[in-house]
Amino acid sequence: MNSIGTYLKKQRVKLSLSLNAVCEQTGITATRLNRIERNQVNEPSPEVLKKLASLYQVDLIYLYKLAGYLENTDISGQKQQPFNNYEILSDEERNFIQQSIDFLAKKHFVANKEEYHEV
């Protein structure tokens, strides 16, 4: 299972961002980010994770779960709208879109299986 630091470093490297570039764009010091990536900080603050999620274009909820701030049970039962205008679609249209998403996600997970793990 990947740690929060390992995951964040992979995302930064994937985007070809240096520690200093992240610092310039988020205000998180390069030293702090380096410590997070090396797992020397047990739980990066929610605010730090929010900044990194935005810059790295990753799901904030996933980062909160990976860091231990949320469990699946914390968010199950919460009404979520997966995309804009969800509420105006028919059940049939929603099911079609969900099936399409499931198909694409399965292809993505198979292609990137070493990067994903159960949180």
PDB file of N, CA and C in Angstrom:
ATOM      1  N   MET A   1       0.834  -1.183   0.000  1.00  0.00           N
ATOM      2  CA  MET A   1       0.000   0.000   0.000  1.00  0.00           C
ATOM      3  C   MET A   1       0.877   1.243   0.000  1.00  0.00           C
ATOM      4  N   ASN A   2       0.587   2.155  -0.912  1.00  0.00           N
ATOM      5  CA  ASN A   2       1.355   3.393  -0.980  1.00  0.00           C
ATOM      6  C   ASN A   2       1.021   4.305   0.182  1.00  0.00           C
ATOM      7  N   SER A   3       1.982   5.060   0.603  1.00  0.00           N
ATOM      8  CA  SER A   3       1.758   6.058   1.640  1.00  0.00           C
ATOM      9  C   SER A   3       1.340   7.358   0.966  1.00  0.00           C
ATOM     10  N   ILE A   4       0.853   8.282   1.763  1.00  0.00           N
ATOM     11  CA  ILE A   4       0.456   9.585   1.236  1.00  0.00           C
ATOM     12  C   ILE A   4       1.653  10.286   0.601  1.00  0.00           C
ATOM     13  N   GLY A   5       2.815  10.182   1.235  1.00  0.00           N
ATOM     14  CA  GLY A   5       4.013  10.835   0.701  1.00  0.00           C
ATOM     15  C   GLY A   5       4.435  10.267  -0.635  1.00  0.00           C
ATOM     16  N   THR A   6       4.438   8.941  -0.734  1.00  0.00           N
ATOM     17  CA  THR A   6       4.811   8.279  -1.986  1.00  0.00           C
ATOM     18  C   THR A   6       3.845   8.661  -3.101  1.00  0.00           C
ATOM     19  N   TYR A   7       2.563   8.660  -2.782  1.00  0.00           N
ATOM     20  CA  TYR A   7       1.552   9.010  -3.781  1.00  0.00           C
ATOM     21  C   TYR A   7       1.741  10.454  -4.253  1.00  0.00           C
ATOM     22  N   LEU A   8       1.942  11.383  -3.313  1.00  0.00           N
ATOM     23  CA  LEU A   8       2.101  12.786  -3.683  1.00  0.00           C
ATOM     24  C   LEU A   8       3.355  13.005  -4.525  1.00  0.00           C
ATOM     25  N   LYS A   9       4.426  12.306  -4.184  1.00  0.00           N
ATOM     26  CA  LYS A   9       5.651  12.452  -4.977  1.00  0.00           C
ATOM     27  C   LYS A   9       5.436  11.933  -6.392  1.00  0.00           C
ATOM     28  N   LYS A  10       4.758  10.797  -6.551  1.00  0.00           N
ATOM     29  CA  LYS A  10       4.477  10.271  -7.886  1.00  0.00           C
ATOM     30  C   LYS A  10       3.684  11.272  -8.707  1.00  0.00           C
ATOM     31  N   GLN A  11       2.704  11.917  -8.077  1.00  0.00           N
ATOM     32  CA  GLN A  11       1.886  12.892  -8.806  1.00  0.00           C
ATOM     33  C   GLN A  11       2.717  14.111  -9.209  1.00  0.00           C
ATOM     34  N   ARG A  12       3.577  14.575  -8.312  1.00  0.00           N
ATOM     35  CA  ARG A  12       4.436  15.734  -8.619  1.00  0.00           C
ATOM     36  C   ARG A  12       5.379  15.414  -9.761  1.00  0.00           C
ATOM     37  N   VAL A  13       6.014  14.251  -9.702  1.00  0.00           N
ATOM     38  CA  VAL A  13       6.953  13.832 -10.745  1.00  0.00           C
ATOM     39  C   VAL A  13       6.220  13.645 -12.074  1.00  0.00           C
ATOM     40  N   LYS A  14       5.023  13.066 -12.006  1.00  0.00           N
ATOM     41  CA  LYS A  14       4.227  12.852 -13.222  1.00  0.00           C
ATOM     42  C   LYS A  14       3.949  14.177 -13.940  1.00  0.00           C
ATOM     43  N   LEU A  15       3.798  15.242 -13.165  1.00  0.00           N
ATOM     44  CA  LEU A  15       3.531  16.562 -13.731  1.00  0.00           C
ATOM     45  C   LEU A  15       4.813  17.340 -14.031  1.00  0.00           C
ATOM     46  N   SER A  16       5.961  16.704 -13.798  1.00  0.00           N
ATOM     47  CA  SER A  16       7.277  17.331 -14.024  1.00  0.00           C
ATOM     48  C   SER A  16       7.437  18.628 -13.230  1.00  0.00           C
ATOM     49  N   LEU A  17       6.997  18.608 -11.984  1.00  0.00           N
ATOM     50  CA  LEU A  17       7.115  19.772 -11.116  1.00  0.00           C
ATOM     51  C   LEU A  17       8.256  19.569 -10.132  1.00  0.00           C
ATOM     52  N   SER A  18       9.069  20.584  -9.961  1.00  0.00           N
ATOM     53  CA  SER A  18      10.115  20.531  -8.939  1.00  0.00           C
ATOM     54  C   SER A  18       9.507  20.916  -7.600  1.00  0.00           C
ATOM     55  N   LEU A  19      10.238  20.635  -6.535  1.00  0.00           N
ATOM     56  CA  LEU A  19       9.785  21.050  -5.204  1.00  0.00           C
ATOM     57  C   LEU A  19       9.605  22.564  -5.152  1.00  0.00           C
ATOM     58  N   ASN A  20      10.537  23.280  -5.765  1.00  0.00           N
ATOM     59  CA  ASN A  20      10.451  24.745  -5.760  1.00  0.00           C
ATOM     60  C   ASN A  20       9.259  25.251  -6.567  1.00  0.00           C
ATOM     61  N   ALA A  21       8.929  24.587  -7.666  1.00  0.00           N
ATOM     62  CA  ALA A  21       7.763  24.991  -8.462  1.00  0.00           C
ATOM     63  C   ALA A  21       6.486  24.813  -7.654  1.00  0.00           C
ATOM     64  N   VAL A  22       6.395  23.711  -6.902  1.00  0.00           N
ATOM     65  CA  VAL A  22       5.225  23.488  -6.053  1.00  0.00           C
ATOM     66  C   VAL A  22       5.164  24.564  -4.978  1.00  0.00           C
ATOM     67  N   CYS A  23       6.294  24.902  -4.413  1.00  0.00           N
ATOM     68  CA  CYS A  23       6.369  25.952  -3.396  1.00  0.00           C
ATOM     69  C   CYS A  23       5.847  27.274  -3.961  1.00  0.00           C
ATOM     70  N   GLU A  24       6.292  27.637  -5.146  1.00  0.00           N
ATOM     71  CA  GLU A  24       5.864  28.889  -5.771  1.00  0.00           C
ATOM     72  C   GLU A  24       4.364  28.928  -6.020  1.00  0.00           C
ATOM     73  N   GLN A  25       3.788  27.776  -6.376  1.00  0.00           N
ATOM     74  CA  GLN A  25       2.379  27.738  -6.758  1.00  0.00           C
ATOM     75  C   GLN A  25       1.430  27.509  -5.579  1.00  0.00           C
ATOM     76  N   THR A  26       1.950  26.966  -4.474  1.00  0.00           N
ATOM     77  CA  THR A  26       1.063  26.639  -3.349  1.00  0.00           C
ATOM     78  C   THR A  26       1.418  27.362  -2.057  1.00  0.00           C
ATOM     79  N   GLY A  27       2.652  27.829  -1.938  1.00  0.00           N
ATOM     80  CA  GLY A  27       3.088  28.432  -0.689  1.00  0.00           C
ATOM     81  C   GLY A  27       3.595  27.412   0.321  1.00  0.00           C
ATOM     82  N   ILE A  28       3.559  26.127  -0.032  1.00  0.00           N
ATOM     83  CA  ILE A  28       4.095  25.068   0.833  1.00  0.00           C
ATOM     84  C   ILE A  28       5.604  25.057   0.618  1.00  0.00           C
ATOM     85  N   THR A  29       6.368  25.166   1.683  1.00  0.00           N
ATOM     86  CA  THR A  29       7.817  25.225   1.513  1.00  0.00           C
ATOM     87  C   THR A  29       8.348  23.917   0.926  1.00  0.00           C
ATOM     88  N   ALA A  30       9.431  24.041   0.174  1.00  0.00           N
ATOM     89  CA  ALA A  30      10.052  22.866  -0.431  1.00  0.00           C
ATOM     90  C   ALA A  30      10.504  21.886   0.644  1.00  0.00           C
ATOM     91  N   THR A  31      10.980  22.417   1.771  1.00  0.00           N
ATOM     92  CA  THR A  31      11.413  21.556   2.872  1.00  0.00           C
ATOM     93  C   THR A  31      10.250  20.758   3.436  1.00  0.00           C
ATOM     94  N   ARG A  32       9.114  21.419   3.641  1.00  0.00           N
ATOM     95  CA  ARG A  32       7.931  20.722   4.176  1.00  0.00           C
ATOM     96  C   ARG A  32       7.442  19.666   3.198  1.00  0.00           C
ATOM     97  N   LEU A  33       7.362  20.024   1.916  1.00  0.00           N
ATOM     98  CA  LEU A  33       6.908  19.064   0.910  1.00  0.00           C
ATOM     99  C   LEU A  33       7.858  17.874   0.832  1.00  0.00           C
ATOM    100  N   ASN A  34       9.150  18.125   0.901  1.00  0.00           N
ATOM    101  CA  ASN A  34      10.136  17.041   0.884  1.00  0.00           C
ATOM    102  C   ASN A  34       9.924  16.111   2.073  1.00  0.00           C
ATOM    103  N   ARG A  35       9.653  16.665   3.242  1.00  0.00           N
ATOM    104  CA  ARG A  35       9.410  15.843   4.436  1.00  0.00           C
ATOM    105  C   ARG A  35       8.124  15.036   4.286  1.00  0.00           C
ATOM    106  N   ILE A  36       7.102  15.631   3.688  1.00  0.00           N
ATOM    107  CA  ILE A  36       5.852  14.905   3.443  1.00  0.00           C
ATOM    108  C   ILE A  36       6.104  13.745   2.495  1.00  0.00           C
ATOM    109  N   GLU A  37       6.800  14.016   1.408  1.00  0.00           N
ATOM    110  CA  GLU A  37       7.070  12.978   0.402  1.00  0.00           C
ATOM    111  C   GLU A  37       7.936  11.853   0.956  1.00  0.00           C
ATOM    112  N   ARG A  38       8.787  12.143   1.916  1.00  0.00           N
ATOM    113  CA  ARG A  38       9.633  11.114   2.537  1.00  0.00           C
ATOM    114  C   ARG A  38       8.979  10.498   3.764  1.00  0.00           C
ATOM    115  N   ASN A  39       7.703  10.819   3.963  1.00  0.00           N
ATOM    116  CA  ASN A  39       6.905  10.267   5.072  1.00  0.00           C
ATOM    117  C   ASN A  39       7.478  10.611   6.440  1.00  0.00           C
ATOM    118  N   GLN A  40       8.057  11.781   6.540  1.00  0.00           N
ATOM    119  CA  GLN A  40       8.551  12.261   7.825  1.00  0.00           C
ATOM    120  C   GLN A  40       7.509  13.123   8.525  1.00  0.00           C
ATOM    121  N   VAL A  41       6.383  13.362   7.858  1.00  0.00           N
ATOM    122  CA  VAL A  41       5.240  14.055   8.433  1.00  0.00           C
ATOM    123  C   VAL A  41       4.100  13.053   8.408  1.00  0.00           C
ATOM    124  N   ASN A  42       3.614  12.652   9.584  1.00  0.00           N
ATOM    125  CA  ASN A  42       2.594  11.611   9.646  1.00  0.00           C
ATOM    126  C   ASN A  42       1.310  11.982   8.931  1.00  0.00           C
ATOM    127  N   GLU A  43       0.789  13.149   9.201  1.00  0.00           N
ATOM    128  CA  GLU A  43      -0.480  13.561   8.612  1.00  0.00           C
ATOM    129  C   GLU A  43      -0.347  14.991   8.116  1.00  0.00           C
ATOM    130  N   PRO A  44      -0.112  15.154   6.809  1.00  0.00           N
ATOM    131  CA  PRO A  44      -0.096  16.532   6.292  1.00  0.00           C
ATOM    132  C   PRO A  44      -1.450  17.178   6.594  1.00  0.00           C
ATOM    133  N   SER A  45      -1.446  18.450   6.876  1.00  0.00           N
ATOM    134  CA  SER A  45      -2.697  19.122   7.248  1.00  0.00           C
ATOM    135  C   SER A  45      -3.703  19.081   6.105  1.00  0.00           C
ATOM    136  N   PRO A  46      -4.984  19.130   6.442  1.00  0.00           N
ATOM    137  CA  PRO A  46      -6.011  19.165   5.393  1.00  0.00           C
ATOM    138  C   PRO A  46      -5.814  20.329   4.423  1.00  0.00           C
ATOM    139  N   GLU A  47      -5.354  21.460   4.934  1.00  0.00           N
ATOM    140  CA  GLU A  47      -5.142  22.628   4.067  1.00  0.00           C
ATOM    141  C   GLU A  47      -4.013  22.365   3.059  1.00  0.00           C
ATOM    142  N   VAL A  48      -2.946  21.738   3.509  1.00  0.00           N
ATOM    143  CA  VAL A  48      -1.844  21.383   2.605  1.00  0.00           C
ATOM    144  C   VAL A  48      -2.346  20.410   1.536  1.00  0.00           C
ATOM    145  N   LEU A  49      -3.106  19.424   1.956  1.00  0.00           N
ATOM    146  CA  LEU A  49      -3.636  18.452   0.996  1.00  0.00           C
ATOM    147  C   LEU A  49      -4.570  19.111  -0.010  1.00  0.00           C
ATOM    148  N   LYS A  50      -5.335  20.083   0.451  1.00  0.00           N
ATOM    149  CA  LYS A  50      -6.240  20.799  -0.445  1.00  0.00           C
ATOM    150  C   LYS A  50      -5.460  21.544  -1.527  1.00  0.00           C
ATOM    151  N   LYS A  51      -4.385  22.192  -1.137  1.00  0.00           N
ATOM    152  CA  LYS A  51      -3.549  22.910  -2.103  1.00  0.00           C
ATOM    153  C   LYS A  51      -2.916  21.944  -3.105  1.00  0.00           C
ATOM    154  N   LEU A  52      -2.402  20.829  -2.600  1.00  0.00           N
ATOM    155  CA  LEU A  52      -1.745  19.860  -3.481  1.00  0.00           C
ATOM    156  C   LEU A  52      -2.751  19.179  -4.408  1.00  0.00           C
ATOM    157  N   ALA A  53      -3.933  18.861  -3.905  1.00  0.00           N
ATOM    158  CA  ALA A  53      -4.965  18.244  -4.746  1.00  0.00           C
ATOM    159  C   ALA A  53      -5.314  19.155  -5.914  1.00  0.00           C
ATOM    160  N   SER A  54      -5.424  20.428  -5.640  1.00  0.00           N
ATOM    161  CA  SER A  54      -5.748  21.384  -6.690  1.00  0.00           C
ATOM    162  C   SER A  54      -4.629  21.467  -7.726  1.00  0.00           C
ATOM    163  N   LEU A  55      -3.411  21.611  -7.271  1.00  0.00           N
ATOM    164  CA  LEU A  55      -2.276  21.727  -8.189  1.00  0.00           C
ATOM    165  C   LEU A  55      -2.048  20.433  -8.978  1.00  0.00           C
ATOM    166  N   TYR A  56      -2.119  19.298  -8.300  1.00  0.00           N
ATOM    167  CA  TYR A  56      -1.846  18.010  -8.939  1.00  0.00           C
ATOM    168  C   TYR A  56      -3.063  17.456  -9.683  1.00  0.00           C
ATOM    169  N   GLN A  57      -4.186  18.114  -9.542  1.00  0.00           N
ATOM    170  CA  GLN A  57      -5.434  17.705 -10.193  1.00  0.00           C
ATOM    171  C   GLN A  57      -5.821  16.273  -9.816  1.00  0.00           C
ATOM    172  N   VAL A  58      -5.817  16.031  -8.498  1.00  0.00           N
ATOM    173  CA  VAL A  58      -6.237  14.737  -7.958  1.00  0.00           C
ATOM    174  C   VAL A  58      -7.403  14.965  -7.006  1.00  0.00           C
ATOM    175  N   ASP A  59      -8.126  13.922  -6.727  1.00  0.00           N
ATOM    176  CA  ASP A  59      -9.314  13.994  -5.889  1.00  0.00           C
ATOM    177  C   ASP A  59      -8.945  14.264  -4.431  1.00  0.00           C
ATOM    178  N   LEU A  60      -9.502  15.325  -3.879  1.00  0.00           N
ATOM    179  CA  LEU A  60      -9.216  15.702  -2.497  1.00  0.00           C
ATOM    180  C   LEU A  60      -9.714  14.652  -1.511  1.00  0.00           C
ATOM    181  N   ILE A  61     -10.874  14.093  -1.754  1.00  0.00           N
ATOM    182  CA  ILE A  61     -11.417  13.058  -0.868  1.00  0.00           C
ATOM    183  C   ILE A  61     -10.460  11.867  -0.812  1.00  0.00           C
ATOM    184  N   TYR A  62      -9.906  11.477  -1.969  1.00  0.00           N
ATOM    185  CA  TYR A  62      -8.938  10.380  -2.008  1.00  0.00           C
ATOM    186  C   TYR A  62      -7.732  10.704  -1.127  1.00  0.00           C
ATOM    187  N   LEU A  63      -7.223  11.937  -1.223  1.00  0.00           N
ATOM    188  CA  LEU A  63      -6.074  12.324  -0.390  1.00  0.00           C
ATOM    189  C   LEU A  63      -6.431  12.309   1.088  1.00  0.00           C
ATOM    190  N   TYR A  64      -7.616  12.796   1.439  1.00  0.00           N
ATOM    191  CA  TYR A  64      -8.037  12.771   2.837  1.00  0.00           C
ATOM    192  C   TYR A  64      -8.145  11.334   3.352  1.00  0.00           C
ATOM    193  N   LYS A  65      -8.636  10.445   2.517  1.00  0.00           N
ATOM    194  CA  LYS A  65      -8.723   9.038   2.923  1.00  0.00           C
ATOM    195  C   LYS A  65      -7.322   8.442   3.061  1.00  0.00           C
ATOM    196  N   LEU A  66      -6.454   8.732   2.126  1.00  0.00           N
ATOM    197  CA  LEU A  66      -5.091   8.204   2.165  1.00  0.00           C
ATOM    198  C   LEU A  66      -4.327   8.710   3.388  1.00  0.00           C
ATOM    199  N   ALA A  67      -4.599   9.953   3.778  1.00  0.00           N
ATOM    200  CA  ALA A  67      -3.924  10.545   4.937  1.00  0.00           C
ATOM    201  C   ALA A  67      -4.561  10.122   6.261  1.00  0.00           C
ATOM    202  N   GLY A  68      -5.714   9.456   6.194  1.00  0.00           N
ATOM    203  CA  GLY A  68      -6.360   8.998   7.416  1.00  0.00           C
ATOM    204  C   GLY A  68      -7.385   9.954   7.995  1.00  0.00           C
ATOM    205  N   TYR A  69      -7.716  11.019   7.281  1.00  0.00           N
ATOM    206  CA  TYR A  69      -8.716  11.967   7.766  1.00  0.00           C
ATOM    207  C   TYR A  69     -10.141  11.467   7.555  1.00  0.00           C
ATOM    208  N   LEU A  70     -10.344  10.630   6.558  1.00  0.00           N
ATOM    209  CA  LEU A  70     -11.667  10.099   6.245  1.00  0.00           C
ATOM    210  C   LEU A  70     -11.593   8.604   6.021  1.00  0.00           C
ATOM    211  N   GLU A  71     -12.683   7.940   6.330  1.00  0.00           N
ATOM    212  CA  GLU A  71     -12.863   6.520   6.023  1.00  0.00           C
ATOM    213  C   GLU A  71     -14.006   6.425   5.022  1.00  0.00           C
ATOM    214  N   ASN A  72     -14.100   5.295   4.339  1.00  0.00           N
ATOM    215  CA  ASN A  72     -15.214   5.103   3.414  1.00  0.00           C
ATOM    216  C   ASN A  72     -16.550   5.275   4.121  1.00  0.00           C
ATOM    217  N   THR A  73     -16.632   4.841   5.379  1.00  0.00           N
ATOM    218  CA  THR A  73     -17.888   4.956   6.119  1.00  0.00           C
ATOM    219  C   THR A  73     -18.250   6.405   6.416  1.00  0.00           C
ATOM    220  N   ASP A  74     -17.255   7.289   6.438  1.00  0.00           N
ATOM    221  CA  ASP A  74     -17.516   8.702   6.679  1.00  0.00           C
ATOM    222  C   ASP A  74     -18.280   9.350   5.532  1.00  0.00           C
ATOM    223  N   ILE A  75     -18.069   8.839   4.341  1.00  0.00           N
ATOM    224  CA  ILE A  75     -18.688   9.471   3.178  1.00  0.00           C
ATOM    225  C   ILE A  75     -19.782   8.628   2.542  1.00  0.00           C
ATOM    226  N   SER A  76     -19.939   7.383   2.968  1.00  0.00           N
ATOM    227  CA  SER A  76     -21.019   6.584   2.408  1.00  0.00           C
ATOM    228  C   SER A  76     -22.336   7.151   2.904  1.00  0.00           C
ATOM    229  N   GLY A  77     -23.303   7.168   2.046  1.00  0.00           N
ATOM    230  CA  GLY A  77     -24.600   7.720   2.410  1.00  0.00           C
ATOM    231  C   GLY A  77     -24.705   9.214   2.158  1.00  0.00           C
ATOM    232  N   GLN A  78     -23.596   9.864   1.860  1.00  0.00           N
ATOM    233  CA  GLN A  78     -23.638  11.279   1.531  1.00  0.00           C
ATOM    234  C   GLN A  78     -24.147  11.422   0.103  1.00  0.00           C
ATOM    235  N   LYS A  79     -25.108  12.292  -0.083  1.00  0.00           N
ATOM    236  CA  LYS A  79     -25.622  12.508  -1.430  1.00  0.00           C
ATOM    237  C   LYS A  79     -24.579  13.279  -2.225  1.00  0.00           C
ATOM    238  N   GLN A  80     -24.126  12.667  -3.295  1.00  0.00           N
ATOM    239  CA  GLN A  80     -23.121  13.281  -4.144  1.00  0.00           C
ATOM    240  C   GLN A  80     -23.630  13.326  -5.574  1.00  0.00           C
ATOM    241  N   GLN A  81     -23.350  14.402  -6.249  1.00  0.00           N
ATOM    242  CA  GLN A  81     -23.685  14.491  -7.654  1.00  0.00           C
ATOM    243  C   GLN A  81     -22.378  14.343  -8.422  1.00  0.00           C
ATOM    244  N   PRO A  82     -22.270  13.296  -9.229  1.00  0.00           N
ATOM    245  CA  PRO A  82     -20.991  13.000  -9.870  1.00  0.00           C
ATOM    246  C   PRO A  82     -20.579  13.968 -10.971  1.00  0.00           C
ATOM    247  N   PHE A  83     -21.524  14.731 -11.510  1.00  0.00           N
ATOM    248  CA  PHE A  83     -21.188  15.699 -12.550  1.00  0.00           C
ATOM    249  C   PHE A  83     -22.295  16.743 -12.632  1.00  0.00           C
ATOM    250  N   ASN A  84     -22.007  17.847 -13.303  1.00  0.00           N
ATOM    251  CA  ASN A  84     -22.985  18.927 -13.435  1.00  0.00           C
ATOM    252  C   ASN A  84     -24.232  18.457 -14.170  1.00  0.00           C
ATOM    253  N   ASN A  85     -25.351  18.965 -13.756  1.00  0.00           N
ATOM    254  CA  ASN A  85     -26.662  18.686 -14.359  1.00  0.00           C
ATOM    255  C   ASN A  85     -27.119  17.251 -14.184  1.00  0.00           C
ATOM    256  N   TYR A  86     -26.530  16.546 -13.275  1.00  0.00           N
ATOM    257  CA  TYR A  86     -26.901  15.163 -12.977  1.00  0.00           C
ATOM    258  C   TYR A  86     -28.397  15.037 -12.688  1.00  0.00           C
ATOM    259  N   GLU A  87     -28.909  15.997 -11.950  1.00  0.00           N
ATOM    260  CA  GLU A  87     -30.280  15.914 -11.485  1.00  0.00           C
ATOM    261  C   GLU A  87     -31.322  16.048 -12.599  1.00  0.00           C
ATOM    262  N   ILE A  88     -30.956  16.589 -13.750  1.00  0.00           N
ATOM    263  CA  ILE A  88     -31.951  16.755 -14.816  1.00  0.00           C
ATOM    264  C   ILE A  88     -32.035  15.551 -15.745  1.00  0.00           C
ATOM    265  N   LEU A  89     -31.129  14.583 -15.583  1.00  0.00           N
ATOM    266  CA  LEU A  89     -31.123  13.403 -16.445  1.00  0.00           C
ATOM    267  C   LEU A  89     -32.091  12.349 -15.938  1.00  0.00           C
ATOM    268  N   SER A  90     -32.543  11.528 -16.860  1.00  0.00           N
ATOM    269  CA  SER A  90     -33.396  10.402 -16.472  1.00  0.00           C
ATOM    270  C   SER A  90     -32.530   9.303 -15.874  1.00  0.00           C
ATOM    271  N   ASP A  91     -33.159   8.351 -15.186  1.00  0.00           N
ATOM    272  CA  ASP A  91     -32.422   7.214 -14.632  1.00  0.00           C
ATOM    273  C   ASP A  91     -31.703   6.447 -15.741  1.00  0.00           C
ATOM    274  N   GLU A  92     -32.352   6.291 -16.866  1.00  0.00           N
ATOM    275  CA  GLU A  92     -31.749   5.577 -17.993  1.00  0.00           C
ATOM    276  C   GLU A  92     -30.489   6.300 -18.475  1.00  0.00           C
ATOM    277  N   GLU A  93     -30.545   7.611 -18.574  1.00  0.00           N
ATOM    278  CA  GLU A  93     -29.385   8.394 -19.007  1.00  0.00           C
ATOM    279  C   GLU A  93     -28.256   8.314 -17.972  1.00  0.00           C
ATOM    280  N   ARG A  94     -28.613   8.380 -16.704  1.00  0.00           N
ATOM    281  CA  ARG A  94     -27.604   8.271 -15.642  1.00  0.00           C
ATOM    282  C   ARG A  94     -26.930   6.901 -15.675  1.00  0.00           C
ATOM    283  N   ASN A  95     -27.716   5.850 -15.862  1.00  0.00           N
ATOM    284  CA  ASN A  95     -27.159   4.499 -15.932  1.00  0.00           C
ATOM    285  C   ASN A  95     -26.208   4.352 -17.113  1.00  0.00           C
ATOM    286  N   PHE A  96     -26.561   4.920 -18.248  1.00  0.00           N
ATOM    287  CA  PHE A  96     -25.695   4.868 -19.422  1.00  0.00           C
ATOM    288  C   PHE A  96     -24.356   5.545 -19.134  1.00  0.00           C
ATOM    289  N   ILE A  97     -24.427   6.725 -18.535  1.00  0.00           N
ATOM    290  CA  ILE A  97     -23.196   7.457 -18.211  1.00  0.00           C
ATOM    291  C   ILE A  97     -22.366   6.680 -17.198  1.00  0.00           C
ATOM    292  N   GLN A  98     -23.012   6.098 -16.182  1.00  0.00           N
ATOM    293  CA  GLN A  98     -22.285   5.320 -15.182  1.00  0.00           C
ATOM    294  C   GLN A  98     -21.602   4.116 -15.812  1.00  0.00           C
ATOM    295  N   GLN A  99     -22.275   3.439 -16.722  1.00  0.00           N
ATOM    296  CA  GLN A  99     -21.678   2.287 -17.413  1.00  0.00           C
ATOM    297  C   GLN A  99     -20.463   2.728 -18.228  1.00  0.00           C
ATOM    298  N   SER A 100     -20.551   3.879 -18.856  1.00  0.00           N
ATOM    299  CA  SER A 100     -19.421   4.406 -19.624  1.00  0.00           C
ATOM    300  C   SER A 100     -18.241   4.724 -18.709  1.00  0.00           C
ATOM    301  N   ILE A 101     -18.539   5.331 -17.574  1.00  0.00           N
ATOM    302  CA  ILE A 101     -17.488   5.654 -16.607  1.00  0.00           C
ATOM    303  C   ILE A 101     -16.842   4.371 -16.084  1.00  0.00           C
ATOM    304  N   ASP A 102     -17.649   3.381 -15.752  1.00  0.00           N
ATOM    305  CA  ASP A 102     -17.120   2.108 -15.258  1.00  0.00           C
ATOM    306  C   ASP A 102     -16.197   1.457 -16.285  1.00  0.00           C
ATOM    307  N   PHE A 103     -16.595   1.497 -17.547  1.00  0.00           N
ATOM    308  CA  PHE A 103     -15.783   0.921 -18.615  1.00  0.00           C
ATOM    309  C   PHE A 103     -14.437   1.639 -18.712  1.00  0.00           C
ATOM    310  N   LEU A 104     -14.457   2.962 -18.724  1.00  0.00           N
ATOM    311  CA  LEU A 104     -13.214   3.735 -18.818  1.00  0.00           C
ATOM    312  C   LEU A 104     -12.342   3.560 -17.579  1.00  0.00           C
ATOM    313  N   ALA A 105     -12.967   3.526 -16.417  1.00  0.00           N
ATOM    314  CA  ALA A 105     -12.212   3.348 -15.177  1.00  0.00           C
ATOM    315  C   ALA A 105     -11.521   1.995 -15.147  1.00  0.00           C
ATOM    316  N   LYS A 106     -12.213   0.957 -15.601  1.00  0.00           N
ATOM    317  CA  LYS A 106     -11.618  -0.380 -15.620  1.00  0.00           C
ATOM    318  C   LYS A 106     -10.388  -0.392 -16.519  1.00  0.00           C
ATOM    319  N   LYS A 107     -10.486   0.227 -17.690  1.00  0.00           N
ATOM    320  CA  LYS A 107      -9.324   0.318 -18.587  1.00  0.00           C
ATOM    321  C   LYS A 107      -8.184   1.072 -17.917  1.00  0.00           C
ATOM    322  N   HIS A 108      -8.518   2.151 -17.229  1.00  0.00           N
ATOM    323  CA  HIS A 108      -7.498   2.961 -16.564  1.00  0.00           C
ATOM    324  C   HIS A 108      -6.841   2.192 -15.425  1.00  0.00           C
ATOM    325  N   PHE A 109      -7.641   1.520 -14.598  1.00  0.00           N
ATOM    326  CA  PHE A 109      -7.097   0.760 -13.472  1.00  0.00           C
ATOM    327  C   PHE A 109      -6.196  -0.371 -13.944  1.00  0.00           C
ATOM    328  N   VAL A 110      -6.587  -1.057 -15.009  1.00  0.00           N
ATOM    329  CA  VAL A 110      -5.765  -2.148 -15.544  1.00  0.00           C
ATOM    330  C   VAL A 110      -4.430  -1.599 -16.038  1.00  0.00           C
ATOM    331  N   ALA A 111      -4.470  -0.466 -16.715  1.00  0.00           N
ATOM    332  CA  ALA A 111      -3.247   0.118 -17.256  1.00  0.00           C
ATOM    333  C   ALA A 111      -2.339   0.699 -16.165  1.00  0.00           C
ATOM    334  N   ASN A 112      -2.917   1.061 -15.018  1.00  0.00           N
ATOM    335  CA  ASN A 112      -2.158   1.723 -13.948  1.00  0.00           C
ATOM    336  C   ASN A 112      -2.293   0.991 -12.618  1.00  0.00           C
ATOM    337  N   LYS A 113      -2.434  -0.341 -12.658  1.00  0.00           N
ATOM    338  CA  LYS A 113      -2.775  -1.092 -11.449  1.00  0.00           C
ATOM    339  C   LYS A 113      -1.763  -0.949 -10.326  1.00  0.00           C
ATOM    340  N   GLU A 114      -0.496  -0.721 -10.618  1.00  0.00           N
ATOM    341  CA  GLU A 114       0.496  -0.603  -9.550  1.00  0.00           C
ATOM    342  C   GLU A 114       0.338   0.723  -8.790  1.00  0.00           C
ATOM    343  N   GLU A 115      -0.333   1.697  -9.374  1.00  0.00           N
ATOM    344  CA  GLU A 115      -0.493   2.989  -8.733  1.00  0.00           C
ATOM    345  C   GLU A 115      -1.685   3.016  -7.789  1.00  0.00           C
ATOM    346  N   TYR A 116      -2.646   2.124  -7.992  1.00  0.00           N
ATOM    347  CA  TYR A 116      -3.877   2.144  -7.208  1.00  0.00           C
ATOM    348  C   TYR A 116      -3.881   1.054  -6.159  1.00  0.00           C
ATOM    349  N   HIS A 117      -4.553   1.352  -5.084  1.00  0.00           N
ATOM    350  CA  HIS A 117      -4.719   0.398  -4.000  1.00  0.00           C
ATOM    351  C   HIS A 117      -5.971   0.772  -3.230  1.00  0.00           C
ATOM    352  N   GLU A 118      -6.453  -0.131  -2.424  1.00  0.00           N
ATOM    353  CA  GLU A 118      -7.657   0.104  -1.637  1.00  0.00           C
ATOM    354  C   GLU A 118      -7.338   1.083  -0.519  1.00  0.00           C
ATOM    355  N   VAL A 119      -8.128   2.106  -0.385  1.00  0.00           N
ATOM    356  CA  VAL A 119      -7.954   3.087   0.698  1.00  0.00           C
ATOM    357  C   VAL A 119      -9.082   2.918   1.672  1.00  0.00           C
TER     358      VAL A 119
END
